[in-house]
PDB file of N, CA and C in Angstrom:
ATOM      1  N   MET A   1       5.208 -59.746 179.081  1.00  0.00           N
ATOM      2  CA  MET A   1       5.178 -58.309 179.248  1.00  0.00           C
ATOM      3  C   MET A   1       5.710 -57.895 180.611  1.00  0.00           C
ATOM      4  N   ARG A   2       5.318 -58.628 181.624  1.00  0.00           N
ATOM      5  CA  ARG A   2       5.714 -58.268 182.979  1.00  0.00           C
ATOM      6  C   ARG A   2       7.233 -58.304 183.140  1.00  0.00           C
ATOM      7  N   SER A   3       7.894 -59.242 182.461  1.00  0.00           N
ATOM      8  CA  SER A   3       9.342 -59.354 182.599  1.00  0.00           C
ATOM      9  C   SER A   3      10.049 -58.127 182.030  1.00  0.00           C
ATOM     10  N   ARG A   4       9.496 -57.552 180.969  1.00  0.00           N
ATOM     11  CA  ARG A   4      10.093 -56.342 180.407  1.00  0.00           C
ATOM     12  C   ARG A   4       9.994 -55.182 181.380  1.00  0.00           C
ATOM     13  N   ILE A   5       8.852 -55.075 182.033  1.00  0.00           N
ATOM     14  CA  ILE A   5       8.669 -53.993 183.009  1.00  0.00           C
ATOM     15  C   ILE A   5       9.627 -54.183 184.185  1.00  0.00           C
ATOM     16  N   LEU A   6       9.765 -55.425 184.655  1.00  0.00           N
ATOM     17  CA  LEU A   6      10.675 -55.697 185.764  1.00  0.00           C
ATOM     18  C   LEU A   6      12.122 -55.410 185.376  1.00  0.00           C
ATOM     19  N   ARG A   7      12.497 -55.755 184.154  1.00  0.00           N
ATOM     20  CA  ARG A   7      13.856 -55.494 183.673  1.00  0.00           C
ATOM     21  C   ARG A   7      14.117 -53.992 183.607  1.00  0.00           C
ATOM     22  N   ASP A   8      13.103 -53.240 183.179  1.00  0.00           N
ATOM     23  CA  ASP A   8      13.228 -51.791 183.112  1.00  0.00           C
ATOM     24  C   ASP A   8      13.385 -51.190 184.505  1.00  0.00           C
ATOM     25  N   ILE A   9      12.605 -51.679 185.458  1.00  0.00           N
ATOM     26  CA  ILE A   9      12.698 -51.190 186.839  1.00  0.00           C
ATOM     27  C   ILE A   9      14.079 -51.499 187.412  1.00  0.00           C
ATOM     28  N   LYS A  10      14.575 -52.704 187.153  1.00  0.00           N
ATOM     29  CA  LYS A  10      15.890 -53.105 187.658  1.00  0.00           C
ATOM     30  C   LYS A  10      16.994 -52.228 187.061  1.00  0.00           C
ATOM     31  N   ALA A  11      16.892 -51.919 185.762  1.00  0.00           N
ATOM     32  CA  ALA A  11      17.894 -51.070 185.114  1.00  0.00           C
ATOM     33  C   ALA A  11      17.856 -49.657 185.682  1.00  0.00           C
ATOM     34  N   ARG A  12      16.668 -49.133 185.928  1.00  0.00           N
ATOM     35  CA  ARG A  12      16.558 -47.784 186.497  1.00  0.00           C
ATOM     36  C   ARG A  12      17.119 -47.723 187.923  1.00  0.00           C
ATOM     37  N   GLN A  13      16.952 -48.805 188.689  1.00  0.00           N
ATOM     38  CA  GLN A  13      17.531 -48.848 190.031  1.00  0.00           C
ATOM     39  C   GLN A  13      19.056 -48.914 189.968  1.00  0.00           C
ATOM     40  N   ALA A  14      19.586 -49.655 189.009  1.00  0.00           N
ATOM     41  CA  ALA A  14      21.042 -49.741 188.846  1.00  0.00           C
ATOM     42  C   ALA A  14      21.618 -48.376 188.501  1.00  0.00           C
ATOM     43  N   ILE A  15      20.920 -47.629 187.680  1.00  0.00           N
ATOM     44  CA  ILE A  15      21.379 -46.283 187.321  1.00  0.00           C
ATOM     45  C   ILE A  15      21.368 -45.379 188.544  1.00  0.00           C
ATOM     46  N   ALA A  16      20.309 -45.459 189.328  1.00  0.00           N
ATOM     47  CA  ALA A  16      20.207 -44.615 190.531  1.00  0.00           C
ATOM     48  C   ALA A  16      21.301 -44.965 191.541  1.00  0.00           C
ATOM     49  N   ASN A  17      21.619 -46.258 191.675  1.00  0.00           N
ATOM     50  CA  ASN A  17      22.634 -46.674 192.639  1.00  0.00           C
ATOM     51  C   ASN A  17      24.034 -46.228 192.236  1.00  0.00           C
ATOM     52  N   ASN A  18      24.333 -46.184 190.943  1.00  0.00           N
ATOM     53  CA  ASN A  18      25.685 -45.869 190.467  1.00  0.00           C
ATOM     54  C   ASN A  18      25.825 -44.452 189.940  1.00  0.00           C
ATOM     55  N   GLU A  19      24.807 -43.635 190.085  1.00  0.00           N
ATOM     56  CA  GLU A  19      24.822 -42.307 189.475  1.00  0.00           C
ATOM     57  C   GLU A  19      25.938 -41.418 190.022  1.00  0.00           C
ATOM     58  N   ILE A  20      26.116 -41.389 191.329  1.00  0.00           N
ATOM     59  CA  ILE A  20      27.095 -40.480 191.937  1.00  0.00           C
ATOM     60  C   ILE A  20      28.520 -40.880 191.572  1.00  0.00           C
ATOM     61  N   THR A  21      28.818 -42.178 191.655  1.00  0.00           N
ATOM     62  CA  THR A  21      30.177 -42.614 191.303  1.00  0.00           C
ATOM     63  C   THR A  21      30.444 -42.397 189.818  1.00  0.00           C
ATOM     64  N   ARG A  22      29.449 -42.629 188.978  1.00  0.00           N
ATOM     65  CA  ARG A  22      29.619 -42.421 187.539  1.00  0.00           C
ATOM     66  C   ARG A  22      29.895 -40.942 187.247  1.00  0.00           C
ATOM     67  N   GLN A  23      29.172 -40.042 187.902  1.00  0.00           N
ATOM     68  CA  GLN A  23      29.391 -38.611 187.695  1.00  0.00           C
ATOM     69  C   GLN A  23      30.774 -38.187 188.182  1.00  0.00           C
ATOM     70  N   ALA A  24      31.225 -38.776 189.295  1.00  0.00           N
ATOM     71  CA  ALA A  24      32.546 -38.440 189.816  1.00  0.00           C
ATOM     72  C   ALA A  24      33.642 -38.868 188.836  1.00  0.00           C
ATOM     73  N   PHE A  25      33.529 -40.079 188.314  1.00  0.00           N
ATOM     74  CA  PHE A  25      34.522 -40.553 187.343  1.00  0.00           C
ATOM     75  C   PHE A  25      34.488 -39.716 186.069  1.00  0.00           C
ATOM     76  N   LYS A  26      33.305 -39.319 185.630  1.00  0.00           N
ATOM     77  CA  LYS A  26      33.201 -38.484 184.435  1.00  0.00           C
ATOM     78  C   LYS A  26      33.852 -37.120 184.666  1.00  0.00           C
ATOM     79  N   TYR A  27      33.644 -36.562 185.857  1.00  0.00           N
ATOM     80  CA  TYR A  27      34.236 -35.263 186.173  1.00  0.00           C
ATOM     81  C   TYR A  27      35.761 -35.364 186.164  1.00  0.00           C
ATOM     82  N   ILE A  28      36.295 -36.428 186.742  1.00  0.00           N
ATOM     83  CA  ILE A  28      37.745 -36.601 186.798  1.00  0.00           C
ATOM     84  C   ILE A  28      38.325 -36.772 185.399  1.00  0.00           C
ATOM     85  N   THR A  29      37.670 -37.559 184.554  1.00  0.00           N
ATOM     86  CA  THR A  29      38.203 -37.794 183.207  1.00  0.00           C
ATOM     87  C   THR A  29      38.171 -36.538 182.345  1.00  0.00           C
ATOM     88  N   ARG A  30      37.229 -35.641 182.600  1.00  0.00           N
ATOM     89  CA  ARG A  30      37.117 -34.429 181.785  1.00  0.00           C
ATOM     90  C   ARG A  30      37.896 -33.248 182.348  1.00  0.00           C
ATOM     91  N   ASN A  31      38.412 -33.374 183.574  1.00  0.00           N
ATOM     92  CA  ASN A  31      39.158 -32.298 184.219  1.00  0.00           C
ATOM     93  C   ASN A  31      40.589 -32.288 183.679  1.00  0.00           C
ATOM     94  N   GLU A  32      40.916 -31.311 182.850  1.00  0.00           N
ATOM     95  CA  GLU A  32      42.228 -31.275 182.199  1.00  0.00           C
ATOM     96  C   GLU A  32      43.339 -30.762 183.110  1.00  0.00           C
ATOM     97  N   THR A  33      43.017 -30.266 184.295  1.00  0.00           N
ATOM     98  CA  THR A  33      44.055 -29.805 185.222  1.00  0.00           C
ATOM     99  C   THR A  33      44.694 -30.982 185.958  1.00  0.00           C
ATOM    100  N   LEU A  34      44.030 -32.127 185.961  1.00  0.00           N
ATOM    101  CA  LEU A  34      44.579 -33.322 186.621  1.00  0.00           C
ATOM    102  C   LEU A  34      45.592 -34.007 185.705  1.00  0.00           C
ATOM    103  N   PRO A  35      46.527 -34.765 186.294  1.00  0.00           N
ATOM    104  CA  PRO A  35      47.491 -35.487 185.460  1.00  0.00           C
ATOM    105  C   PRO A  35      46.797 -36.527 184.573  1.00  0.00           C
ATOM    106  N   ALA A  36      47.436 -36.810 183.458  1.00  0.00           N
ATOM    107  CA  ALA A  36      46.851 -37.737 182.485  1.00  0.00           C
ATOM    108  C   ALA A  36      46.690 -39.134 183.072  1.00  0.00           C
ATOM    109  N   ARG A  37      47.603 -39.536 183.944  1.00  0.00           N
ATOM    110  CA  ARG A  37      47.516 -40.876 184.536  1.00  0.00           C
ATOM    111  C   ARG A  37      46.258 -41.036 185.404  1.00  0.00           C
ATOM    112  N   VAL A  38      45.959 -40.018 186.202  1.00  0.00           N
ATOM    113  CA  VAL A  38      44.779 -40.053 187.064  1.00  0.00           C
ATOM    114  C   VAL A  38      43.511 -40.089 186.207  1.00  0.00           C
ATOM    115  N   ARG A  39      43.491 -39.278 185.158  1.00  0.00           N
ATOM    116  CA  ARG A  39      42.338 -39.246 184.270  1.00  0.00           C
ATOM    117  C   ARG A  39      42.154 -40.593 183.567  1.00  0.00           C
ATOM    118  N   HIS A  40      43.251 -41.205 183.181  1.00  0.00           N
ATOM    119  CA  HIS A  40      43.180 -42.508 182.514  1.00  0.00           C
ATOM    120  C   HIS A  40      42.649 -43.578 183.474  1.00  0.00           C
ATOM    121  N   GLN A  41      43.097 -43.540 184.719  1.00  0.00           N
ATOM    122  CA  GLN A  41      42.606 -44.504 185.714  1.00  0.00           C
ATOM    123  C   GLN A  41      41.098 -44.330 185.947  1.00  0.00           C
ATOM    124  N   ALA A  42      40.656 -43.085 186.000  1.00  0.00           N
ATOM    125  CA  ALA A  42      39.226 -42.829 186.180  1.00  0.00           C
ATOM    126  C   ALA A  42      38.438 -43.340 184.977  1.00  0.00           C
ATOM    127  N   GLN A  43      38.995 -43.186 183.777  1.00  0.00           N
ATOM    128  CA  GLN A  43      38.314 -43.686 182.577  1.00  0.00           C
ATOM    129  C   GLN A  43      38.225 -45.208 182.597  1.00  0.00           C
ATOM    130  N   LEU A  44      39.277 -45.865 183.068  1.00  0.00           N
ATOM    131  CA  LEU A  44      39.248 -47.332 183.178  1.00  0.00           C
ATOM    132  C   LEU A  44      38.198 -47.783 184.191  1.00  0.00           C
ATOM    133  N   GLN A  45      38.095 -47.072 185.314  1.00  0.00           N
ATOM    134  CA  GLN A  45      37.076 -47.393 186.311  1.00  0.00           C
ATOM    135  C   GLN A  45      35.676 -47.201 185.734  1.00  0.00           C
ATOM    136  N   LEU A  46      35.510 -46.137 184.950  1.00  0.00           N
ATOM    137  CA  LEU A  46      34.222 -45.868 184.324  1.00  0.00           C
ATOM    138  C   LEU A  46      33.866 -46.970 183.325  1.00  0.00           C
ATOM    139  N   ASN A  47      34.859 -47.449 182.587  1.00  0.00           N
ATOM    140  CA  ASN A  47      34.625 -48.509 181.609  1.00  0.00           C
ATOM    141  C   ASN A  47      34.314 -49.840 182.279  1.00  0.00           C
ATOM    142  N   SER A  48      34.819 -50.052 183.489  1.00  0.00           N
ATOM    143  CA  SER A  48      34.602 -51.331 184.163  1.00  0.00           C
ATOM    144  C   SER A  48      33.244 -51.399 184.883  1.00  0.00           C
ATOM    145  N   MET A  49      32.528 -50.286 184.937  1.00  0.00           N
ATOM    146  CA  MET A  49      31.207 -50.302 185.565  1.00  0.00           C
ATOM    147  C   MET A  49      30.237 -51.087 184.686  1.00  0.00           C
ATOM    148  N   PRO A  50      29.183 -51.659 185.280  1.00  0.00           N
ATOM    149  CA  PRO A  50      28.229 -52.433 184.465  1.00  0.00           C
ATOM    150  C   PRO A  50      27.522 -51.565 183.425  1.00  0.00           C
ATOM    151  N   LYS A  51      27.213 -52.179 182.292  1.00  0.00           N
ATOM    152  CA  LYS A  51      26.593 -51.425 181.202  1.00  0.00           C
ATOM    153  C   LYS A  51      25.219 -50.908 181.575  1.00  0.00           C
ATOM    154  N   ASN A  52      24.474 -51.673 182.363  1.00  0.00           N
ATOM    155  CA  ASN A  52      23.116 -51.235 182.680  1.00  0.00           C
ATOM    156  C   ASN A  52      23.100 -50.087 183.689  1.00  0.00           C
ATOM    157  N   SER A  53      24.265 -49.619 184.127  1.00  0.00           N
ATOM    158  CA  SER A  53      24.307 -48.468 185.019  1.00  0.00           C
ATOM    159  C   SER A  53      24.435 -47.156 184.236  1.00  0.00           C
ATOM    160  N   SER A  54      24.456 -47.250 182.923  1.00  0.00           N
ATOM    161  CA  SER A  54      24.544 -46.064 182.081  1.00  0.00           C
ATOM    162  C   SER A  54      23.145 -45.602 181.672  1.00  0.00           C
ATOM    163  N   PRO A  55      22.861 -44.303 181.783  1.00  0.00           N
ATOM    164  CA  PRO A  55      21.533 -43.808 181.410  1.00  0.00           C
ATOM    165  C   PRO A  55      21.217 -43.980 179.925  1.00  0.00           C
ATOM    166  N   ALA A  56      22.231 -44.193 179.093  1.00  0.00           N
ATOM    167  CA  ALA A  56      21.995 -44.352 177.660  1.00  0.00           C
ATOM    168  C   ALA A  56      21.260 -45.649 177.343  1.00  0.00           C
ATOM    169  N   TYR A  57      21.276 -46.602 178.250  1.00  0.00           N
ATOM    170  CA  TYR A  57      20.646 -47.896 178.002  1.00  0.00           C
ATOM    171  C   TYR A  57      19.183 -47.959 178.437  1.00  0.00           C
ATOM    172  N   ILE A  58      18.655 -46.854 178.951  1.00  0.00           N
ATOM    173  CA  ILE A  58      17.251 -46.834 179.375  1.00  0.00           C
ATOM    174  C   ILE A  58      16.371 -46.570 178.161  1.00  0.00           C
ATOM    175  N   HIS A  59      15.314 -47.340 178.051  1.00  0.00           N
ATOM    176  CA  HIS A  59      14.338 -47.178 176.973  1.00  0.00           C
ATOM    177  C   HIS A  59      12.980 -46.967 177.625  1.00  0.00           C
ATOM    178  N   ASN A  60      12.317 -45.876 177.277  1.00  0.00           N
ATOM    179  CA  ASN A  60      11.013 -45.584 177.884  1.00  0.00           C
ATOM    180  C   ASN A  60      10.004 -46.663 177.513  1.00  0.00           C
ATOM    181  N   ARG A  61       9.299 -47.171 178.517  1.00  0.00           N
ATOM    182  CA  ARG A  61       8.281 -48.197 178.307  1.00  0.00           C
ATOM    183  C   ARG A  61       6.971 -47.760 178.940  1.00  0.00           C
ATOM    184  N   CYS A  62       5.885 -48.287 178.395  1.00  0.00           N
ATOM    185  CA  CYS A  62       4.557 -48.027 178.942  1.00  0.00           C
ATOM    186  C   CYS A  62       4.454 -48.724 180.299  1.00  0.00           C
ATOM    187  N   VAL A  63       3.999 -48.008 181.325  1.00  0.00           N
ATOM    188  CA  VAL A  63       3.890 -48.608 182.651  1.00  0.00           C
ATOM    189  C   VAL A  63       2.724 -49.571 182.745  1.00  0.00           C
ATOM    190  N   ALA A  64       1.749 -49.456 181.856  1.00  0.00           N
ATOM    191  CA  ALA A  64       0.584 -50.336 181.898  1.00  0.00           C
ATOM    192  C   ALA A  64       0.841 -51.655 181.171  1.00  0.00           C
ATOM    193  N   THR A  65       1.466 -51.581 179.999  1.00  0.00           N
ATOM    194  CA  THR A  65       1.611 -52.782 179.176  1.00  0.00           C
ATOM    195  C   THR A  65       3.049 -53.220 178.958  1.00  0.00           C
ATOM    196  N   GLY A  66       4.016 -52.339 179.141  1.00  0.00           N
ATOM    197  CA  GLY A  66       5.405 -52.670 178.865  1.00  0.00           C
ATOM    198  C   GLY A  66       5.780 -52.452 177.414  1.00  0.00           C
ATOM    199  N   HIS A  67       4.878 -51.868 176.628  1.00  0.00           N
ATOM    200  CA  HIS A  67       5.128 -51.619 175.215  1.00  0.00           C
ATOM    201  C   HIS A  67       6.251 -50.610 175.073  1.00  0.00           C
ATOM    202  N   GLY A  68       7.150 -50.808 174.087  1.00  0.00           N
ATOM    203  CA  GLY A  68       8.341 -49.987 173.989  1.00  0.00           C
ATOM    204  C   GLY A  68       8.307 -48.878 172.965  1.00  0.00           C
ATOM    205  N   SER A  69       7.278 -48.831 172.122  1.00  0.00           N
ATOM    206  CA  SER A  69       7.246 -47.759 171.124  1.00  0.00           C
ATOM    207  C   SER A  69       5.960 -46.965 171.258  1.00  0.00           C
ATOM    208  N   GLY A  70       6.009 -45.719 170.821  1.00  0.00           N
ATOM    209  CA  GLY A  70       4.837 -44.854 170.909  1.00  0.00           C
ATOM    210  C   GLY A  70       4.507 -44.452 172.329  1.00  0.00           C
ATOM    211  N   VAL A  71       5.523 -44.264 173.159  1.00  0.00           N
ATOM    212  CA  VAL A  71       5.309 -43.931 174.566  1.00  0.00           C
ATOM    213  C   VAL A  71       5.325 -42.414 174.738  1.00  0.00           C
ATOM    214  N   LEU A  72       4.294 -41.878 175.369  1.00  0.00           N
ATOM    215  CA  LEU A  72       4.226 -40.453 175.673  1.00  0.00           C
ATOM    216  C   LEU A  72       4.934 -40.220 177.003  1.00  0.00           C
ATOM    217  N   ARG A  73       5.987 -39.424 176.984  1.00  0.00           N
ATOM    218  CA  ARG A  73       6.828 -39.233 178.165  1.00  0.00           C
ATOM    219  C   ARG A  73       6.070 -38.684 179.367  1.00  0.00           C
ATOM    220  N   GLU A  74       5.233 -37.714 179.113  1.00  0.00           N
ATOM    221  CA  GLU A  74       4.547 -37.024 180.204  1.00  0.00           C
ATOM    222  C   GLU A  74       3.648 -37.964 181.013  1.00  0.00           C
ATOM    223  N   PHE A  75       3.056 -38.926 180.335  1.00  0.00           N
ATOM    224  CA  PHE A  75       2.112 -39.826 180.997  1.00  0.00           C
ATOM    225  C   PHE A  75       2.679 -41.231 181.218  1.00  0.00           C
ATOM    226  N   LYS A  76       3.827 -41.547 180.610  1.00  0.00           N
ATOM    227  CA  LYS A  76       4.463 -42.865 180.691  1.00  0.00           C
ATOM    228  C   LYS A  76       3.537 -43.971 180.204  1.00  0.00           C
ATOM    229  N   LEU A  77       2.728 -43.647 179.198  1.00  0.00           N
ATOM    230  CA  LEU A  77       1.796 -44.608 178.615  1.00  0.00           C
ATOM    231  C   LEU A  77       2.013 -44.673 177.110  1.00  0.00           C
ATOM    232  N   CYS A  78       1.773 -45.863 176.539  1.00  0.00           N
ATOM    233  CA  CYS A  78       1.815 -45.961 175.081  1.00  0.00           C
ATOM    234  C   CYS A  78       0.574 -45.269 174.530  1.00  0.00           C
ATOM    235  N   ARG A  79       0.596 -44.977 173.250  1.00  0.00           N
ATOM    236  CA  ARG A  79      -0.472 -44.170 172.661  1.00  0.00           C
ATOM    237  C   ARG A  79      -1.845 -44.833 172.785  1.00  0.00           C
ATOM    238  N   PHE A  80      -1.877 -46.167 172.689  1.00  0.00           N
ATOM    239  CA  PHE A  80      -3.165 -46.856 172.784  1.00  0.00           C
ATOM    240  C   PHE A  80      -3.728 -46.779 174.200  1.00  0.00           C
ATOM    241  N   GLN A  81      -2.902 -47.032 175.225  1.00  0.00           N
ATOM    242  CA  GLN A  81      -3.356 -46.937 176.610  1.00  0.00           C
ATOM    243  C   GLN A  81      -3.716 -45.498 176.966  1.00  0.00           C
ATOM    244  N   PHE A  82      -2.957 -44.547 176.410  1.00  0.00           N
ATOM    245  CA  PHE A  82      -3.275 -43.133 176.633  1.00  0.00           C
ATOM    246  C   PHE A  82      -4.668 -42.821 176.117  1.00  0.00           C
ATOM    247  N   ARG A  83      -4.970 -43.313 174.910  1.00  0.00           N
ATOM    248  CA  ARG A  83      -6.287 -43.055 174.311  1.00  0.00           C
ATOM    249  C   ARG A  83      -7.402 -43.673 175.152  1.00  0.00           C
ATOM    250  N   LEU A  84      -7.203 -44.924 175.571  1.00  0.00           N
ATOM    251  CA  LEU A  84      -8.229 -45.596 176.375  1.00  0.00           C
ATOM    252  C   LEU A  84      -8.480 -44.870 177.692  1.00  0.00           C
ATOM    253  N   LYS A  85      -7.418 -44.505 178.375  1.00  0.00           N
ATOM    254  CA  LYS A  85      -7.564 -43.843 179.672  1.00  0.00           C
ATOM    255  C   LYS A  85      -8.130 -42.432 179.520  1.00  0.00           C
ATOM    256  N   ALA A  86      -7.760 -41.751 178.431  1.00  0.00           N
ATOM    257  CA  ALA A  86      -8.296 -40.405 178.199  1.00  0.00           C
ATOM    258  C   ALA A  86      -9.792 -40.463 177.909  1.00  0.00           C
ATOM    259  N   LEU A  87     -10.222 -41.440 177.124  1.00  0.00           N
ATOM    260  CA  LEU A  87     -11.644 -41.548 176.799  1.00  0.00           C
ATOM    261  C   LEU A  87     -12.469 -41.955 178.018  1.00  0.00           C
ATOM    262  N   ASN A  88     -11.864 -42.718 178.933  1.00  0.00           N
ATOM    263  CA  ASN A  88     -12.566 -43.116 180.158  1.00  0.00           C
ATOM    264  C   ASN A  88     -12.510 -42.041 181.235  1.00  0.00           C
ATOM    265  N   GLY A  89     -11.754 -40.974 180.992  1.00  0.00           N
ATOM    266  CA  GLY A  89     -11.654 -39.891 181.956  1.00  0.00           C
ATOM    267  C   GLY A  89     -10.721 -40.197 183.111  1.00  0.00           C
ATOM    268  N   GLU A  90      -9.768 -41.113 182.926  1.00  0.00           N
ATOM    269  CA  GLU A  90      -8.847 -41.492 183.997  1.00  0.00           C
ATOM    270  C   GLU A  90      -7.611 -40.609 184.065  1.00  0.00           C
ATOM    271  N   LEU A  91      -7.413 -39.762 183.055  1.00  0.00           N
ATOM    272  CA  LEU A  91      -6.266 -38.853 183.051  1.00  0.00           C
ATOM    273  C   LEU A  91      -6.760 -37.436 183.332  1.00  0.00           C
ATOM    274  N   PRO A  92      -6.326 -36.826 184.445  1.00  0.00           N
ATOM    275  CA  PRO A  92      -6.823 -35.490 184.766  1.00  0.00           C
ATOM    276  C   PRO A  92      -6.311 -34.447 183.781  1.00  0.00           C
ATOM    277  N   GLY A  93      -7.198 -33.589 183.342  1.00  0.00           N
ATOM    278  CA  GLY A  93      -6.828 -32.508 182.439  1.00  0.00           C
ATOM    279  C   GLY A  93      -6.785 -32.892 180.983  1.00  0.00           C
ATOM    280  N   VAL A  94      -7.141 -34.116 180.649  1.00  0.00           N
ATOM    281  CA  VAL A  94      -7.110 -34.578 179.264  1.00  0.00           C
ATOM    282  C   VAL A  94      -8.525 -34.878 178.814  1.00  0.00           C
ATOM    283  N   LYS A  95      -8.919 -34.297 177.695  1.00  0.00           N
ATOM    284  CA  LYS A  95     -10.231 -34.609 177.150  1.00  0.00           C
ATOM    285  C   LYS A  95     -10.142 -34.627 175.634  1.00  0.00           C
ATOM    286  N   LYS A  96     -11.082 -35.280 175.021  1.00  0.00           N
ATOM    287  CA  LYS A  96     -11.099 -35.395 173.576  1.00  0.00           C
ATOM    288  C   LYS A  96     -11.433 -34.040 172.978  1.00  0.00           C
ATOM    289  N   SER A  97     -10.650 -33.646 171.986  1.00  0.00           N
ATOM    290  CA  SER A  97     -10.883 -32.342 171.384  1.00  0.00           C
ATOM    291  C   SER A  97     -11.949 -32.439 170.300  1.00  0.00           C
ATOM    292  N   SER A  98     -12.636 -31.353 170.101  1.00  0.00           N
ATOM    293  CA  SER A  98     -13.612 -31.271 169.013  1.00  0.00           C
ATOM    294  C   SER A  98     -13.628 -29.828 168.519  1.00  0.00           C
ATOM    295  N   TRP A  99     -13.779 -29.648 167.233  1.00  0.00           N
ATOM    296  CA  TRP A  99     -13.815 -28.304 166.682  1.00  0.00           C
ATOM    297  C   TRP A  99     -14.772 -28.207 165.541  1.00  0.00           C
TER     298      TRP A  99
END
């Protein structure tokens, strides 16, 4: 489990490190006022960047267990850990509903 969390952290750091250059290359490739050759070169540079620097490859994981499905974005916890922490009162503003 720990290795999945570490891999996720490493991927998020790679995205943060390459974000500005990736945005610059994307802007150049989409700018139709520039010559086609310049846009093509920018697209090639964008394609040569590492795959893990793309935000599309990020998968939300539970910070407690590393579980990859059923993750609540707001709390970054899987549904089971969310339930446990909510019942123990560890999440501020969350309580069990009753009607």
